[in-house]
N, C-alpha and C. Protein backbone atom coordinates (compact mmCIF):
# COMPACT_ATOMS: atom_id res chain seq x y z
N MET A 1 -207.62 -7.29 99.57
CA MET A 1 -206.85 -8.37 99.01
C MET A 1 -207.20 -8.48 97.54
N LYS A 2 -206.21 -8.76 96.74
CA LYS A 2 -206.39 -9.03 95.32
C LYS A 2 -205.86 -10.44 95.08
N ALA A 3 -206.59 -11.22 94.30
CA ALA A 3 -206.15 -12.59 94.01
C ALA A 3 -206.44 -12.90 92.56
N SER A 4 -205.59 -13.73 91.98
CA SER A 4 -205.82 -14.23 90.63
C SER A 4 -205.31 -15.66 90.56
N HIS A 5 -205.86 -16.41 89.63
CA HIS A 5 -205.41 -17.77 89.47
C HIS A 5 -205.49 -18.17 88.01
N THR A 6 -204.62 -19.09 87.64
CA THR A 6 -204.61 -19.66 86.30
C THR A 6 -204.34 -21.15 86.42
N VAL A 7 -204.84 -21.88 85.48
CA VAL A 7 -204.55 -23.31 85.41
C VAL A 7 -203.76 -23.53 84.13
N LEU A 8 -202.56 -24.09 84.28
CA LEU A 8 -201.65 -24.29 83.16
C LEU A 8 -200.99 -25.66 83.26
N MET A 9 -200.33 -26.05 82.21
CA MET A 9 -199.53 -27.27 82.26
C MET A 9 -198.25 -26.96 83.04
N PRO A 10 -197.75 -27.92 83.83
CA PRO A 10 -196.60 -27.64 84.70
C PRO A 10 -195.28 -27.58 83.95
N THR A 11 -194.37 -26.81 84.54
CA THR A 11 -193.00 -26.81 84.06
C THR A 11 -192.33 -28.10 84.55
N PRO A 12 -191.21 -28.49 83.97
CA PRO A 12 -190.50 -29.68 84.49
C PRO A 12 -190.16 -29.56 85.97
N GLU A 13 -189.80 -28.35 86.43
CA GLU A 13 -189.48 -28.15 87.84
C GLU A 13 -190.70 -28.35 88.73
N GLU A 14 -191.86 -27.87 88.27
CA GLU A 14 -193.09 -28.05 89.04
C GLU A 14 -193.50 -29.53 89.07
N GLN A 15 -193.34 -30.22 87.95
CA GLN A 15 -193.64 -31.66 87.92
C GLN A 15 -192.83 -32.40 88.96
N GLU A 16 -191.55 -32.09 89.03
CA GLU A 16 -190.66 -32.78 89.98
C GLU A 16 -191.05 -32.44 91.42
N ALA A 17 -191.25 -31.16 91.71
CA ALA A 17 -191.55 -30.74 93.08
C ALA A 17 -192.91 -31.25 93.55
N LEU A 18 -193.89 -31.33 92.64
CA LEU A 18 -195.24 -31.71 93.02
C LEU A 18 -195.55 -33.19 92.75
N HIS A 19 -194.58 -33.90 92.18
CA HIS A 19 -194.76 -35.32 91.87
C HIS A 19 -195.95 -35.55 90.96
N THR A 20 -196.01 -34.77 89.88
CA THR A 20 -197.08 -34.90 88.91
C THR A 20 -196.51 -35.22 87.55
N GLY A 21 -197.37 -35.61 86.64
CA GLY A 21 -196.96 -35.89 85.28
C GLY A 21 -197.08 -34.66 84.40
N PRO A 22 -196.52 -34.71 83.20
CA PRO A 22 -196.55 -33.55 82.30
C PRO A 22 -197.95 -33.23 81.79
N ASP A 23 -198.88 -34.18 81.92
CA ASP A 23 -200.24 -33.96 81.44
C ASP A 23 -201.21 -33.59 82.55
N GLU A 24 -200.71 -33.32 83.76
CA GLU A 24 -201.55 -32.94 84.89
C GLU A 24 -201.41 -31.44 85.14
N PRO A 25 -202.47 -30.66 84.92
CA PRO A 25 -202.39 -29.20 85.09
C PRO A 25 -202.10 -28.80 86.54
N VAL A 26 -201.51 -27.63 86.67
CA VAL A 26 -201.28 -27.04 87.99
C VAL A 26 -202.07 -25.74 88.10
N LEU A 27 -202.43 -25.41 89.31
CA LEU A 27 -203.12 -24.17 89.62
C LEU A 27 -202.09 -23.21 90.18
N ARG A 28 -201.95 -22.05 89.56
CA ARG A 28 -201.04 -21.01 90.06
C ARG A 28 -201.90 -19.90 90.63
N LEU A 29 -201.71 -19.65 91.91
CA LEU A 29 -202.50 -18.66 92.62
C LEU A 29 -201.56 -17.56 93.12
N SER A 30 -201.92 -16.33 92.86
CA SER A 30 -201.17 -15.20 93.42
C SER A 30 -202.16 -14.33 94.18
N ARG A 31 -201.69 -13.86 95.32
CA ARG A 31 -202.56 -13.08 96.21
C ARG A 31 -201.75 -11.93 96.78
N VAL A 32 -202.33 -10.74 96.77
CA VAL A 32 -201.70 -9.54 97.33
C VAL A 32 -202.60 -9.01 98.43
N THR A 33 -202.06 -8.86 99.62
CA THR A 33 -202.79 -8.29 100.75
C THR A 33 -202.41 -6.82 100.85
N LEU A 34 -203.42 -5.97 100.97
CA LEU A 34 -203.21 -4.52 101.02
C LEU A 34 -203.51 -3.98 102.41
N ASP A 35 -202.83 -2.89 102.78
CA ASP A 35 -203.16 -2.23 104.04
C ASP A 35 -204.32 -1.26 103.80
N THR A 36 -204.72 -0.54 104.82
CA THR A 36 -205.88 0.35 104.71
C THR A 36 -205.66 1.50 103.73
N ASP A 37 -204.40 1.79 103.40
CA ASP A 37 -204.09 2.84 102.42
C ASP A 37 -203.93 2.29 101.01
N GLY A 38 -204.14 0.97 100.84
CA GLY A 38 -204.03 0.36 99.51
C GLY A 38 -202.63 -0.05 99.12
N ARG A 39 -201.70 -0.02 100.09
CA ARG A 39 -200.32 -0.42 99.80
C ARG A 39 -200.17 -1.92 100.01
N SER A 40 -199.39 -2.56 99.14
CA SER A 40 -199.13 -3.99 99.28
C SER A 40 -198.30 -4.25 100.52
N ILE A 41 -198.76 -5.20 101.35
CA ILE A 41 -197.98 -5.55 102.54
C ILE A 41 -197.58 -7.02 102.54
N GLN A 42 -198.19 -7.82 101.67
CA GLN A 42 -197.82 -9.24 101.59
C GLN A 42 -198.20 -9.76 100.22
N VAL A 43 -197.30 -10.58 99.64
CA VAL A 43 -197.56 -11.22 98.36
C VAL A 43 -197.34 -12.71 98.54
N ASP A 44 -198.32 -13.50 98.13
CA ASP A 44 -198.22 -14.96 98.18
C ASP A 44 -198.35 -15.50 96.77
N MET A 45 -197.48 -16.42 96.40
CA MET A 45 -197.55 -17.09 95.11
C MET A 45 -197.47 -18.58 95.38
N MET A 46 -198.49 -19.30 94.94
CA MET A 46 -198.57 -20.74 95.22
C MET A 46 -198.82 -21.50 93.93
N THR A 47 -198.25 -22.68 93.83
CA THR A 47 -198.49 -23.59 92.72
C THR A 47 -198.86 -24.93 93.30
N MET A 48 -199.96 -25.51 92.80
CA MET A 48 -200.45 -26.78 93.36
C MET A 48 -201.11 -27.60 92.25
N PRO A 49 -201.14 -28.93 92.42
CA PRO A 49 -201.83 -29.76 91.43
C PRO A 49 -203.30 -29.34 91.36
N ALA A 50 -203.79 -29.02 90.19
CA ALA A 50 -205.14 -28.47 90.04
C ALA A 50 -206.22 -29.45 90.46
N HIS A 51 -206.06 -30.71 90.15
CA HIS A 51 -207.13 -31.68 90.43
C HIS A 51 -207.26 -32.03 91.91
N ARG A 52 -206.30 -31.64 92.72
CA ARG A 52 -206.35 -31.96 94.16
C ARG A 52 -206.83 -30.79 95.01
N GLN A 53 -207.25 -29.70 94.39
CA GLN A 53 -207.53 -28.48 95.14
C GLN A 53 -208.99 -28.08 95.09
N ARG A 54 -209.40 -27.50 96.18
CA ARG A 54 -210.69 -26.83 96.27
C ARG A 54 -210.44 -25.58 97.10
N LEU A 55 -210.64 -24.43 96.53
CA LEU A 55 -210.31 -23.18 97.20
C LEU A 55 -211.58 -22.60 97.83
N ARG A 56 -211.41 -22.11 99.05
CA ARG A 56 -212.50 -21.45 99.77
C ARG A 56 -211.90 -20.29 100.55
N TYR A 57 -212.50 -19.13 100.44
CA TYR A 57 -212.00 -17.95 101.11
C TYR A 57 -213.06 -17.41 102.06
N GLU A 58 -212.61 -17.00 103.22
CA GLU A 58 -213.43 -16.24 104.16
C GLU A 58 -212.64 -14.99 104.51
N MET A 59 -213.24 -13.83 104.30
CA MET A 59 -212.54 -12.57 104.58
C MET A 59 -213.40 -11.69 105.47
N ARG A 60 -212.76 -11.08 106.43
CA ARG A 60 -213.44 -10.09 107.26
C ARG A 60 -212.89 -8.72 106.88
N ILE A 61 -213.76 -7.81 106.60
CA ILE A 61 -213.38 -6.47 106.18
C ILE A 61 -213.81 -5.50 107.28
N GLY A 62 -212.87 -4.61 107.64
CA GLY A 62 -213.23 -3.57 108.58
C GLY A 62 -212.93 -3.83 110.00
């Protein structure tokens, strides 16, 4: 799995969808799940209010 995240100011569309103000940052998370040959099999893109989130990952390999 590959994941990346950024914290940015929200777009007007994100503000409306998330019920946040223009001065409240959002967390944008993108994650790519790979198969055993390294090919992408799933892509997730999420946007959430940054101050309401705590991310925790547990992964089993093999």
